[in-house]
Structures are given as C-alpha cells and as structure tokens.
Amino acid sequence: MARMLAERELTVEGPRRSREIAPRSRTVTVNLAESPLTWLHARGHLTDRQLDAGERLRADYERAQLAPSTTMRWDAVRISGTGERGLTPTERQIAARGRFDAAMAHAGSGLSDVLWRVACAGEGLPAAEKALDWPARSGKLVLRIALDRVADFYRIG
C-alpha cells in the first residue's frame, strides 16, 4: 500500500485531523493510509463524522486492551503523585470496555462484524467482505451505516 504522508498539529489527544497548523505548535507527519478508515476517508468514501466515530471506537478498543497480547506488557510504570487524580488505569480500562461494548451493541449484530474487522482489527474492506462471505464492494455501504450508528452513540455531530 502506498504511503500518503501529511503534516498535522500534535495535540495532547494525538495528531489533529484538520490541515490548519497553529503557529509555534509541534507537528508530526502522519500516514493517511495507515488504517483502512483513514484510507477510505482520504479518498472521500467516509465523512468526517464517520471517521471520528471509527477512530473513537478504535481508541476505546485499544484503551480497553481487548486485542490479543503477543509479547510481554510494556505498560508505563506508575509514578507516585501522578495517578491519584481521576480514574485509576484499571478504572479507565473498564470504562473503555463498557463504552466499546455499548457502541457495538448500538451498531447492531449485523453491522458490528464489519465494524470490528475494519475499525478495530485493521482489515481492509476486501478482506472483511471475503471473511464475512459478502459480495465484493458491498462492505463500504454496510460500514458507512455502522459508523453512522456508532457516531449517534458517541453523539458526534
């Protein structure tokens, strides 16, 4: 897959998607073709709202640590005085798991399959369609419907 590099402003949450870069801000170069969702968005197949919903779902999936672990864990060591504010790491993980499960339930059983494969597992649409035994080029429409439902769940306007 070809790389599509773009420079974005670096914020606390990560790279900002908008092209405007504030003066004196840190920037980072991102590969827009890194995930199937950004690839589809870069080519105009997904709206900003749908991309935000998919990225939010993927972030909850990763925060909940639902992906299989293949090596030892390299989590950061807690430093005294930094973790006393807000939720503990375990509580944040449980909250992310709850949001992920609720978002997938809101999408529905028929749509959550392609949503998980593309947004969370990083499969391309052709591979997801083949794994789900769907006709070619049918997954894009189903994915858009699923992302719209997840955007409704996350209240993305």
C-alpha atoms as a PDB file:
ATOM      1  CA  MET A   1       0.000   0.000   0.000  1.00  0.00           C
ATOM      2  CA  ALA A   2       1.373   3.391  -0.941  1.00  0.00           C
ATOM      3  CA  ARG A   3       2.046   5.917   1.801  1.00  0.00           C
ATOM      4  CA  MET A   4       0.120   9.191   1.923  1.00  0.00           C
ATOM      5  CA  LEU A   5       2.102  11.493   4.208  1.00  0.00           C
ATOM      6  CA  ALA A   6       0.672  14.695   5.664  1.00  0.00           C
ATOM      7  CA  GLU A   7       1.847  17.092   8.369  1.00  0.00           C
ATOM      8  CA  ARG A   8      -0.559  17.620  11.280  1.00  0.00           C
ATOM      9  CA  GLU A   9      -0.517  19.613  14.515  1.00  0.00           C
ATOM     10  CA  LEU A  10       0.330  17.451  17.543  1.00  0.00           C
ATOM     11  CA  THR A  11      -2.099  17.849  20.458  1.00  0.00           C
ATOM     12  CA  VAL A  12      -2.472  16.080  23.790  1.00  0.00           C
ATOM     13  CA  GLU A  13      -5.016  13.684  22.240  1.00  0.00           C
ATOM     14  CA  GLY A  14      -2.788  12.974  19.257  1.00  0.00           C
ATOM     15  CA  PRO A  15      -2.432  14.424  15.758  1.00  0.00           C
ATOM     16  CA  ARG A  16      -5.197  16.877  14.860  1.00  0.00           C
ATOM     17  CA  ARG A  17      -7.032  15.911  11.714  1.00  0.00           C
ATOM     18  CA  SER A  18      -7.536  19.429  10.378  1.00  0.00           C
ATOM     19  CA  ARG A  19      -4.983  20.805   7.977  1.00  0.00           C
ATOM     20  CA  GLU A  20      -4.597  24.141   9.806  1.00  0.00           C
ATOM     21  CA  ILE A  21      -1.481  24.286  11.961  1.00  0.00           C
ATOM     22  CA  ALA A  22      -1.271  26.871  14.718  1.00  0.00           C
ATOM     23  CA  PRO A  23       1.902  28.976  14.792  1.00  0.00           C
ATOM     24  CA  ARG A  24       4.602  27.732  17.170  1.00  0.00           C
ATOM     25  CA  SER A  25       2.968  24.339  17.596  1.00  0.00           C
ATOM     26  CA  ARG A  26       4.577  20.934  17.398  1.00  0.00           C
ATOM     27  CA  THR A  27       3.849  18.979  14.259  1.00  0.00           C
ATOM     28  CA  VAL A  28       4.041  15.361  13.287  1.00  0.00           C
ATOM     29  CA  THR A  29       4.000  13.597   9.938  1.00  0.00           C
ATOM     30  CA  VAL A  30       1.226  11.009   9.696  1.00  0.00           C
ATOM     31  CA  ASN A  31       0.493   8.341   7.132  1.00  0.00           C
ATOM     32  CA  LEU A  32      -3.106   8.836   5.998  1.00  0.00           C
ATOM     33  CA  ALA A  33      -3.158   5.329   4.511  1.00  0.00           C
ATOM     34  CA  GLU A  34      -2.210   3.687   7.809  1.00  0.00           C
ATOM     35  CA  SER A  35      -5.651   2.366   8.690  1.00  0.00           C
ATOM     36  CA  PRO A  36      -8.498   1.308   6.419  1.00  0.00           C
ATOM     37  CA  LEU A  37     -10.702   4.079   7.840  1.00  0.00           C
ATOM     38  CA  THR A  38      -8.233   6.865   7.094  1.00  0.00           C
ATOM     39  CA  TRP A  39      -7.617   5.352   3.654  1.00  0.00           C
ATOM     40  CA  LEU A  40     -11.355   5.457   2.910  1.00  0.00           C
ATOM     41  CA  HIS A  41     -11.680   8.976   4.330  1.00  0.00           C
ATOM     42  CA  ALA A  42      -8.727  10.288   2.326  1.00  0.00           C
ATOM     43  CA  ARG A  43     -10.457   9.125  -0.862  1.00  0.00           C
ATOM     44  CA  GLY A  44     -13.832  10.668   0.046  1.00  0.00           C
ATOM     45  CA  HIS A  45     -15.682   7.435   0.882  1.00  0.00           C
ATOM     46  CA  LEU A  46     -16.253   8.365   4.559  1.00  0.00           C
ATOM     47  CA  THR A  47     -17.412  11.638   6.065  1.00  0.00           C
ATOM     48  CA  ASP A  48     -15.571  13.382   8.885  1.00  0.00           C
ATOM     49  CA  ARG A  49     -18.298  12.245  11.280  1.00  0.00           C
ATOM     50  CA  GLN A  50     -17.903   8.602  10.255  1.00  0.00           C
ATOM     51  CA  LEU A  51     -14.117   8.768  10.567  1.00  0.00           C
ATOM     52  CA  ASP A  52     -14.393  10.323  14.037  1.00  0.00           C
ATOM     53  CA  ALA A  53     -16.789   7.571  15.118  1.00  0.00           C
ATOM     54  CA  GLY A  54     -14.486   4.832  13.838  1.00  0.00           C
ATOM     55  CA  GLU A  55     -11.413   6.385  15.460  1.00  0.00           C
ATOM     56  CA  ARG A  56     -13.297   6.801  18.746  1.00  0.00           C
ATOM     57  CA  LEU A  57     -14.373   3.157  18.653  1.00  0.00           C
ATOM     58  CA  ARG A  58     -10.815   2.028  17.883  1.00  0.00           C
ATOM     59  CA  ALA A  59      -9.467   4.183  20.728  1.00  0.00           C
ATOM     60  CA  ASP A  60     -11.904   2.577  23.184  1.00  0.00           C
ATOM     61  CA  TYR A  61     -10.924  -0.855  21.843  1.00  0.00           C
ATOM     62  CA  GLU A  62      -7.255  -0.111  22.446  1.00  0.00           C
ATOM     63  CA  ARG A  63      -7.811   1.546  25.852  1.00  0.00           C
ATOM     64  CA  ALA A  64      -9.806  -1.486  26.972  1.00  0.00           C
ATOM     65  CA  GLN A  65      -6.862  -3.661  25.860  1.00  0.00           C
ATOM     66  CA  LEU A  66      -9.131  -6.121  24.064  1.00  0.00           C
ATOM     67  CA  ALA A  67      -6.603  -7.084  21.401  1.00  0.00           C
ATOM     68  CA  PRO A  68      -4.673 -10.286  22.000  1.00  0.00           C
ATOM     69  CA  SER A  69      -1.295  -9.768  23.628  1.00  0.00           C
ATOM     70  CA  THR A  70       1.591 -11.442  21.820  1.00  0.00           C
ATOM     71  CA  THR A  71       4.560 -10.398  23.949  1.00  0.00           C
ATOM     72  CA  MET A  72       5.187  -9.137  27.414  1.00  0.00           C
ATOM     73  CA  ARG A  73       3.433  -5.953  28.500  1.00  0.00           C
ATOM     74  CA  TRP A  74       5.381  -2.705  28.227  1.00  0.00           C
ATOM     75  CA  ASP A  75       2.990  -0.529  30.223  1.00  0.00           C
ATOM     76  CA  ALA A  76       4.473   2.557  31.824  1.00  0.00           C
ATOM     77  CA  VAL A  77       5.441   2.294  35.470  1.00  0.00           C
ATOM     78  CA  ARG A  78       3.242   4.412  37.740  1.00  0.00           C
ATOM     79  CA  ILE A  79       4.986   7.282  39.421  1.00  0.00           C
ATOM     80  CA  SER A  80       3.797   8.407  42.833  1.00  0.00           C
ATOM     81  CA  GLY A  81       1.748  11.579  42.639  1.00  0.00           C
ATOM     82  CA  THR A  82       0.586  11.244  39.026  1.00  0.00           C
ATOM     83  CA  GLY A  83      -2.131   8.612  39.287  1.00  0.00           C
ATOM     84  CA  GLU A  84      -4.090   9.989  42.219  1.00  0.00           C
ATOM     85  CA  ARG A  85      -6.113  12.363  40.020  1.00  0.00           C
ATOM     86  CA  GLY A  86      -9.213  10.998  38.312  1.00  0.00           C
ATOM     87  CA  LEU A  87      -9.626   7.334  37.461  1.00  0.00           C
ATOM     88  CA  THR A  88      -7.034   4.654  38.024  1.00  0.00           C
ATOM     89  CA  PRO A  89      -5.692   2.848  34.936  1.00  0.00           C
ATOM     90  CA  THR A  90      -7.896  -0.149  35.718  1.00  0.00           C
ATOM     91  CA  GLU A  91     -10.983   2.040  36.043  1.00  0.00           C
ATOM     92  CA  ARG A  92     -10.170   3.735  32.709  1.00  0.00           C
ATOM     93  CA  GLN A  93      -9.805   0.308  31.105  1.00  0.00           C
ATOM     94  CA  ILE A  94     -13.161  -0.857  32.495  1.00  0.00           C
ATOM     95  CA  ALA A  95     -14.871   2.363  31.357  1.00  0.00           C
ATOM     96  CA  ALA A  96     -13.425   1.969  27.844  1.00  0.00           C
ATOM     97  CA  ARG A  97     -14.628  -1.652  27.740  1.00  0.00           C
ATOM     98  CA  GLY A  98     -18.119  -0.542  28.705  1.00  0.00           C
ATOM     99  CA  ARG A  99     -18.175   2.178  26.031  1.00  0.00           C
ATOM    100  CA  PHE A 100     -16.865  -0.246  23.394  1.00  0.00           C
ATOM    101  CA  ASP A 101     -19.440  -2.928  24.232  1.00  0.00           C
ATOM    102  CA  ALA A 102     -22.270  -0.375  24.269  1.00  0.00           C
ATOM    103  CA  ALA A 103     -21.169   1.139  20.932  1.00  0.00           C
ATOM    104  CA  MET A 104     -21.011  -2.291  19.294  1.00  0.00           C
ATOM    105  CA  ALA A 105     -24.444  -3.176  20.697  1.00  0.00           C
ATOM    106  CA  HIS A 106     -25.813   0.140  19.388  1.00  0.00           C
ATOM    107  CA  ALA A 107     -24.452  -0.676  15.916  1.00  0.00           C
ATOM    108  CA  GLY A 108     -26.326  -3.974  15.913  1.00  0.00           C
ATOM    109  CA  SER A 109     -25.356  -7.593  15.402  1.00  0.00           C
ATOM    110  CA  GLY A 110     -25.426  -7.471  11.600  1.00  0.00           C
ATOM    111  CA  LEU A 111     -23.204  -4.391  11.417  1.00  0.00           C
ATOM    112  CA  SER A 112     -20.804  -4.965  14.292  1.00  0.00           C
ATOM    113  CA  ASP A 113     -18.921  -7.692  12.403  1.00  0.00           C
ATOM    114  CA  VAL A 114     -17.636  -5.471   9.610  1.00  0.00           C
ATOM    115  CA  LEU A 115     -17.210  -2.577  12.043  1.00  0.00           C
ATOM    116  CA  TRP A 116     -14.905  -4.589  14.295  1.00  0.00           C
ATOM    117  CA  ARG A 117     -12.918  -6.044  11.401  1.00  0.00           C
ATOM    118  CA  VAL A 118     -12.244  -2.702   9.685  1.00  0.00           C
ATOM    119  CA  ALA A 119     -12.117  -0.192  12.572  1.00  0.00           C
ATOM    120  CA  CYS A 120     -10.540  -2.313  15.315  1.00  0.00           C
ATOM    121  CA  ALA A 121      -8.673  -5.190  13.657  1.00  0.00           C
ATOM    122  CA  GLY A 122      -7.441  -3.042  10.757  1.00  0.00           C
ATOM    123  CA  GLU A 123      -8.599  -5.370   7.972  1.00  0.00           C
ATOM    124  CA  GLY A 124      -9.172  -3.869   4.577  1.00  0.00           C
ATOM    125  CA  LEU A 125     -12.685  -3.925   3.149  1.00  0.00           C
ATOM    126  CA  PRO A 126     -11.933  -6.622   0.536  1.00  0.00           C
ATOM    127  CA  ALA A 127     -10.565  -8.959   3.218  1.00  0.00           C
ATOM    128  CA  ALA A 128     -13.526  -8.261   5.529  1.00  0.00           C
ATOM    129  CA  GLU A 129     -16.011  -8.887   2.729  1.00  0.00           C
ATOM    130  CA  LYS A 130     -14.325 -12.172   1.878  1.00  0.00           C
ATOM    131  CA  ALA A 131     -14.190 -13.296   5.529  1.00  0.00           C
ATOM    132  CA  LEU A 132     -17.872 -12.457   6.009  1.00  0.00           C
ATOM    133  CA  ASP A 133     -18.798 -14.131   2.702  1.00  0.00           C
ATOM    134  CA  TRP A 134     -20.296 -10.935   1.283  1.00  0.00           C
ATOM    135  CA  PRO A 135     -20.387  -9.849  -2.359  1.00  0.00           C
ATOM    136  CA  ALA A 136     -17.482  -7.689  -3.498  1.00  0.00           C
ATOM    137  CA  ARG A 137     -17.858  -3.940  -2.909  1.00  0.00           C
ATOM    138  CA  SER A 138     -20.823  -4.354  -0.567  1.00  0.00           C
ATOM    139  CA  GLY A 139     -18.892  -3.705   2.636  1.00  0.00           C
ATOM    140  CA  LYS A 140     -18.451   0.031   2.084  1.00  0.00           C
ATOM    141  CA  LEU A 141     -22.168   0.741   2.345  1.00  0.00           C
ATOM    142  CA  VAL A 142     -22.615  -1.506   5.390  1.00  0.00           C
ATOM    143  CA  LEU A 143     -19.575   0.062   7.070  1.00  0.00           C
ATOM    144  CA  ARG A 144     -20.957   3.564   6.490  1.00  0.00           C
ATOM    145  CA  ILE A 145     -24.277   2.585   8.104  1.00  0.00           C
ATOM    146  CA  ALA A 146     -22.454   1.028  11.070  1.00  0.00           C
ATOM    147  CA  LEU A 147     -20.243   4.110  11.512  1.00  0.00           C
ATOM    148  CA  ASP A 148     -23.313   6.367  11.420  1.00  0.00           C
ATOM    149  CA  ARG A 149     -24.887   4.345  14.232  1.00  0.00           C
ATOM    150  CA  VAL A 150     -21.686   4.478  16.278  1.00  0.00           C
ATOM    151  CA  ALA A 151     -21.487   8.244  15.671  1.00  0.00           C
ATOM    152  CA  ASP A 152     -25.026   8.513  17.065  1.00  0.00           C
ATOM    153  CA  PHE A 153     -23.929   6.518  20.126  1.00  0.00           C
ATOM    154  CA  TYR A 154     -20.899   8.754  20.745  1.00  0.00           C
ATOM    155  CA  ARG A 155     -23.047  11.841  19.996  1.00  0.00           C
ATOM    156  CA  ILE A 156     -20.715  13.059  17.287  1.00  0.00           C
ATOM    157  CA  GLY A 157     -22.393  15.912  15.440  1.00  0.00           C
END
